[in-house]
N, C-alpha and C. Protein backbone atom coordinates (compact mmCIF):
# COMPACT_ATOMS: atom_id res chain seq x y z
N UNK A 1 45.29 0.66 11.24
CA UNK A 1 44.85 0.80 9.84
C UNK A 1 44.38 -0.71 9.53
N UNK A 2 43.32 -0.60 8.83
CA UNK A 2 42.03 -1.76 8.61
C UNK A 2 42.39 -2.72 8.05
N UNK A 3 42.07 -4.58 7.49
CA UNK A 3 42.56 -5.19 6.86
C UNK A 3 41.39 -5.65 6.23
N UNK A 4 41.53 -5.67 4.72
CA UNK A 4 39.77 -6.35 4.21
C UNK A 4 40.14 -7.55 4.03
N UNK A 5 38.91 -8.27 4.56
CA UNK A 5 38.72 -9.98 4.08
C UNK A 5 37.71 -10.13 3.33
N UNK A 6 38.94 -10.71 2.07
CA UNK A 6 38.18 -11.50 1.01
C UNK A 6 37.84 -12.84 1.48
N UNK A 7 36.49 -12.90 0.72
CA UNK A 7 36.08 -14.56 0.30
C UNK A 7 35.71 -14.91 2.16
N UNK A 8 35.01 -13.75 2.09
CA UNK A 8 33.94 -14.54 3.30
C UNK A 8 32.83 -14.32 3.14
N UNK A 9 31.78 -15.24 3.56
CA UNK A 9 30.24 -14.88 3.53
C UNK A 9 29.60 -13.69 4.53
N UNK A 10 28.89 -13.07 3.82
CA UNK A 10 28.07 -12.29 4.25
C UNK A 10 26.40 -12.52 4.04
N UNK A 11 25.50 -12.68 5.51
CA UNK A 11 24.20 -13.24 5.30
C UNK A 11 23.43 -11.71 5.49
N UNK A 12 22.28 -12.18 5.01
CA UNK A 12 21.05 -10.83 4.80
C UNK A 12 19.82 -11.84 4.91
N UNK A 13 19.49 -11.59 5.70
CA UNK A 13 17.82 -12.41 6.50
C UNK A 13 16.76 -11.05 6.18
N UNK A 14 15.65 -11.78 6.46
CA UNK A 14 14.28 -10.48 6.36
C UNK A 14 14.49 -10.62 8.11
N UNK A 15 14.42 -8.58 7.91
CA UNK A 15 14.54 -7.97 9.57
C UNK A 15 13.39 -8.90 10.38
N UNK A 16 13.72 -9.44 11.58
CA UNK A 16 13.71 -9.62 12.99
C UNK A 16 13.99 -11.01 12.97
N UNK A 17 14.55 -11.96 12.41
CA UNK A 17 14.93 -13.20 12.47
C UNK A 17 16.32 -12.75 12.88
N UNK A 18 16.36 -13.17 14.20
CA UNK A 18 18.01 -12.87 14.51
C UNK A 18 18.88 -14.30 15.02
N UNK A 19 18.62 -15.19 14.13
CA UNK A 19 19.17 -16.49 14.61
C UNK A 19 20.89 -16.23 14.03
N UNK A 20 21.62 -16.94 14.80
CA UNK A 20 22.65 -17.11 14.57
C UNK A 20 22.82 -17.66 13.16
N UNK A 21 22.40 -18.92 12.90
CA UNK A 21 22.51 -19.77 11.27
C UNK A 21 21.71 -19.15 10.63
N UNK A 22 22.21 -18.63 9.47
CA UNK A 22 21.92 -17.78 8.84
C UNK A 22 20.99 -18.49 7.17
N UNK A 23 21.61 -20.24 7.61
CA UNK A 23 21.42 -21.33 6.50
C UNK A 23 19.99 -21.42 6.26
N UNK A 24 19.18 -21.69 7.95
CA UNK A 24 18.22 -22.06 8.14
C UNK A 24 17.15 -21.79 7.49
N UNK A 25 15.89 -22.28 7.24
CA UNK A 25 14.28 -21.24 6.63
C UNK A 25 14.45 -19.94 7.69
N UNK A 26 14.48 -19.05 6.94
CA UNK A 26 14.04 -17.49 8.00
C UNK A 26 12.88 -17.32 8.08
N UNK A 27 12.05 -17.78 7.21
CA UNK A 27 10.96 -16.46 7.04
C UNK A 27 9.87 -17.46 5.49
N UNK A 28 8.46 -18.46 5.73
CA UNK A 28 7.91 -19.08 4.58
C UNK A 28 8.23 -18.58 3.75
N UNK A 29 8.54 -19.82 2.68
CA UNK A 29 9.13 -19.68 1.23
C UNK A 29 10.62 -19.04 1.02
N UNK A 30 11.63 -18.49 2.49
CA UNK A 30 13.19 -18.04 1.73
C UNK A 30 13.62 -18.35 2.50
N UNK A 31 15.00 -17.97 2.10
CA UNK A 31 16.15 -18.65 2.85
C UNK A 31 16.88 -17.72 3.18
N UNK A 32 18.07 -17.50 4.08
CA UNK A 32 18.57 -16.36 3.79
C UNK A 32 19.52 -16.49 2.34
N UNK A 33 20.15 -14.85 2.43
CA UNK A 33 20.56 -14.32 0.88
C UNK A 33 22.39 -14.23 1.74
N UNK A 34 23.33 -15.41 0.33
CA UNK A 34 25.02 -15.01 0.92
C UNK A 34 25.45 -14.79 0.21
N UNK A 35 26.14 -14.08 -0.03
CA UNK A 35 27.42 -13.55 -1.15
C UNK A 35 28.23 -13.94 -0.31
N UNK A 36 29.24 -14.03 -1.03
CA UNK A 36 31.03 -13.87 -1.29
C UNK A 36 31.38 -12.42 -0.90
N UNK A 37 32.62 -11.76 -0.45
CA UNK A 37 32.85 -11.03 -0.21
C UNK A 37 34.19 -10.85 -1.85
N UNK A 38 34.33 -9.95 -2.19
CA UNK A 38 35.41 -10.25 -3.19
C UNK A 38 36.64 -9.60 -3.16
N UNK A 39 37.64 -9.83 -3.84
CA UNK A 39 39.30 -9.59 -3.33
C UNK A 39 39.52 -8.93 -2.80
N UNK A 40 38.79 -7.34 -2.87
CA UNK A 40 39.11 -5.88 -2.17
C UNK A 40 37.87 -5.78 -0.80
N UNK A 41 37.54 -7.03 -0.39
CA UNK A 41 36.59 -7.27 0.86
C UNK A 41 35.25 -6.85 0.75
N UNK A 42 34.48 -5.97 -0.61
CA UNK A 42 33.54 -5.74 -1.06
C UNK A 42 32.55 -7.22 -0.85
N UNK A 43 31.33 -6.19 -0.90
CA UNK A 43 29.91 -7.30 -0.93
C UNK A 43 28.80 -6.81 -1.94
N UNK A 44 27.94 -7.23 -2.47
CA UNK A 44 26.90 -6.78 -2.93
C UNK A 44 25.63 -7.64 -3.12
N UNK A 45 24.36 -6.99 -2.41
CA UNK A 45 23.10 -7.76 -2.81
C UNK A 45 22.05 -7.21 -3.82
N UNK A 46 21.56 -7.79 -4.81
CA UNK A 46 21.03 -7.19 -5.66
C UNK A 46 19.59 -7.64 -5.63
N UNK A 47 18.72 -7.33 -6.20
CA UNK A 47 17.47 -7.53 -6.47
C UNK A 47 16.42 -7.69 -5.25
N UNK A 48 16.30 -6.83 -4.44
CA UNK A 48 15.59 -6.89 -2.78
C UNK A 48 14.61 -6.20 -3.08
N UNK A 49 13.73 -6.54 -2.10
CA UNK A 49 12.73 -5.74 -2.28
C UNK A 49 12.82 -4.54 -1.00
N UNK A 50 12.62 -3.57 -1.04
CA UNK A 50 12.59 -2.05 -0.46
C UNK A 50 12.26 -2.73 1.44
N UNK A 51 13.01 -2.20 2.25
CA UNK A 51 12.78 -2.85 4.04
C UNK A 51 13.89 -2.43 4.43
N UNK A 52 13.59 -3.26 5.53
CA UNK A 52 14.48 -3.51 6.38
C UNK A 52 14.93 -5.14 7.03
N UNK A 53 16.38 -5.29 6.70
CA UNK A 53 16.94 -6.78 6.95
C UNK A 53 17.94 -6.56 8.09
N UNK A 54 18.60 -8.16 8.08
CA UNK A 54 19.61 -8.16 8.73
C UNK A 54 20.90 -8.53 8.48
N UNK A 55 21.96 -7.73 8.76
CA UNK A 55 22.80 -7.85 7.68
C UNK A 55 24.09 -8.74 8.56
N UNK A 56 25.06 -9.62 8.45
CA UNK A 56 26.02 -9.90 9.36
C UNK A 56 26.44 -11.00 8.25
N UNK A 57 27.59 -11.44 9.70
CA UNK A 57 28.58 -12.02 9.14
C UNK A 57 29.26 -13.03 9.94
N UNK A 58 29.55 -14.06 9.76
CA UNK A 58 30.07 -15.36 10.81
C UNK A 58 30.60 -14.59 11.82
N UNK A 59 30.11 -15.07 13.11
CA UNK A 59 31.07 -14.52 14.35
C UNK A 59 30.13 -13.40 15.08
N UNK A 60 29.69 -12.61 14.00
CA UNK A 60 29.45 -11.00 14.63
C UNK A 60 27.71 -11.00 14.37
N UNK A 61 26.91 -9.85 15.57
CA UNK A 61 25.73 -10.26 15.49
C UNK A 61 25.26 -9.12 14.14
N UNK A 62 24.15 -9.70 14.18
CA UNK A 62 22.99 -8.75 12.79
C UNK A 62 23.21 -7.55 13.27
N UNK A 63 23.15 -6.62 12.27
CA UNK A 63 22.63 -5.32 12.61
C UNK A 63 21.64 -5.22 11.38
N UNK A 64 21.03 -4.06 11.76
CA UNK A 64 19.51 -3.85 11.08
C UNK A 64 20.02 -3.27 9.70
N UNK A 65 19.81 -3.41 8.42
CA UNK A 65 19.85 -2.22 7.44
C UNK A 65 19.18 -1.88 6.76
N UNK A 66 18.73 -0.91 6.31
CA UNK A 66 17.42 -0.35 5.04
C UNK A 66 17.63 -0.24 3.98
N UNK A 67 16.86 -1.46 3.05
CA UNK A 67 17.48 -1.30 1.71
C UNK A 67 16.17 -0.14 0.96
N UNK A 68 16.79 0.72 0.15
CA UNK A 68 16.16 1.92 -0.65
C UNK A 68 15.46 1.34 -1.98
N UNK A 69 14.82 2.01 -2.61
CA UNK A 69 14.20 1.40 -4.01
C UNK A 69 14.92 0.92 -4.96
N UNK A 70 15.94 1.31 -5.02
CA UNK A 70 16.70 1.18 -6.14
C UNK A 70 17.03 -0.74 -5.66
N UNK A 71 16.65 -1.44 -4.65
CA UNK A 71 16.87 -2.58 -3.88
C UNK A 71 17.72 -3.70 -4.32
N UNK A 72 19.26 -2.53 -3.75
CA UNK A 72 20.94 -3.06 -3.74
C UNK A 72 20.96 -2.55 -2.11
N UNK A 73 22.09 -3.83 -1.94
CA UNK A 73 22.90 -3.60 -0.69
C UNK A 73 23.95 -3.68 -0.69
N UNK A 74 25.26 -3.25 -0.68
CA UNK A 74 26.52 -3.13 -0.53
C UNK A 74 27.23 -2.69 0.14
N UNK A 75 28.71 -2.80 0.59
CA UNK A 75 29.44 -2.67 1.26
C UNK A 75 30.60 -2.91 1.19
N UNK A 76 31.27 -3.38 2.59
CA UNK A 76 32.63 -3.91 2.39
C UNK A 76 32.63 -4.39 4.20
N UNK A 77 33.59 -5.78 3.73
CA UNK A 77 33.94 -6.39 5.12
C UNK A 77 35.42 -6.04 5.77
N UNK A 78 35.72 -5.29 6.31
CA UNK A 78 36.61 -5.28 7.19
C UNK A 78 37.33 -5.97 8.64
N UNK A 79 38.26 -5.43 8.96
CA UNK A 79 38.95 -5.79 10.06
C UNK A 79 39.81 -5.01 10.71
N UNK A 80 38.75 -4.09 11.69
CA UNK A 80 40.51 -3.50 12.33
C UNK A 80 41.12 -3.38 13.16
N UNK A 81 42.26 -2.30 13.59
CA UNK A 81 43.45 -3.01 14.50
C UNK A 81 42.83 -3.12 15.38
N UNK A 82 42.40 -3.07 16.09
CA UNK A 82 41.24 -3.86 17.01
C UNK A 82 40.87 -5.68 17.37
N UNK A 83 40.82 -5.90 16.25
CA UNK A 83 40.78 -6.98 15.95
C UNK A 83 38.99 -7.08 15.55
N UNK A 84 38.11 -6.12 15.65
CA UNK A 84 37.07 -6.41 15.31
C UNK A 84 36.70 -6.52 14.27
N UNK A 85 35.50 -7.32 13.38
CA UNK A 85 35.49 -7.41 12.37
C UNK A 85 34.11 -6.46 12.06
N UNK A 86 34.13 -5.78 10.89
CA UNK A 86 33.05 -4.44 10.91
C UNK A 86 32.61 -4.70 9.63
N UNK A 87 31.30 -4.53 9.33
CA UNK A 87 30.39 -4.50 8.25
C UNK A 87 30.30 -3.19 7.71
N UNK A 88 30.49 -2.47 6.78
CA UNK A 88 29.79 -0.89 6.76
C UNK A 88 28.97 -1.37 5.39
N UNK A 89 28.09 -0.20 5.14
CA UNK A 89 27.46 -0.15 4.17
C UNK A 89 27.83 0.70 2.47
N UNK A 90 27.74 0.71 1.95
CA UNK A 90 27.73 1.74 0.79
C UNK A 90 26.85 2.73 0.83
N UNK A 91 27.08 4.16 0.03
CA UNK A 91 26.35 4.98 -0.20
C UNK A 91 24.75 4.44 -0.54
N UNK A 92 23.32 5.11 0.29
CA UNK A 92 22.38 4.40 -0.01
C UNK A 92 21.27 4.00 0.19
N UNK A 93 22.57 3.21 1.58
CA UNK A 93 22.01 2.37 2.11
C UNK A 93 22.69 2.84 3.65
N UNK A 94 22.18 2.32 4.46
CA UNK A 94 22.75 2.28 5.84
C UNK A 94 22.03 1.30 6.86
N UNK A 95 23.15 1.37 7.71
CA UNK A 95 23.07 0.62 9.15
C UNK A 95 22.22 1.24 10.40
N UNK A 96 21.43 0.39 10.29
CA UNK A 96 20.62 1.36 11.86
C UNK A 96 20.97 0.92 13.30
N UNK A 97 20.89 1.64 13.95
CA UNK A 97 20.85 0.86 15.52
C UNK A 97 19.74 0.12 16.17
N UNK A 98 20.05 -1.16 16.69
CA UNK A 98 18.95 -1.95 17.09
C UNK A 98 18.11 -1.21 18.24
């Protein structure tokens, strides 16, 4: 059984910037975008430019995600029975292997 992780930060940075600290300036004129998960572990980013981004949460390596033409990215942050924290993406976006 998986456990939801409410009130945790999820970070999104322009693809190619794999620094662990998402609060540093990541690309000219911008910084990482961060949102807090809801009570059910869900997160959502809106008004994004379509393209690739690195999605991460504290203590986890970034995952390459693709944002489509609707400019949104959402999913859920869960902790599995094995203790591993996992970020999932909702339909319409996907995590791509690096």
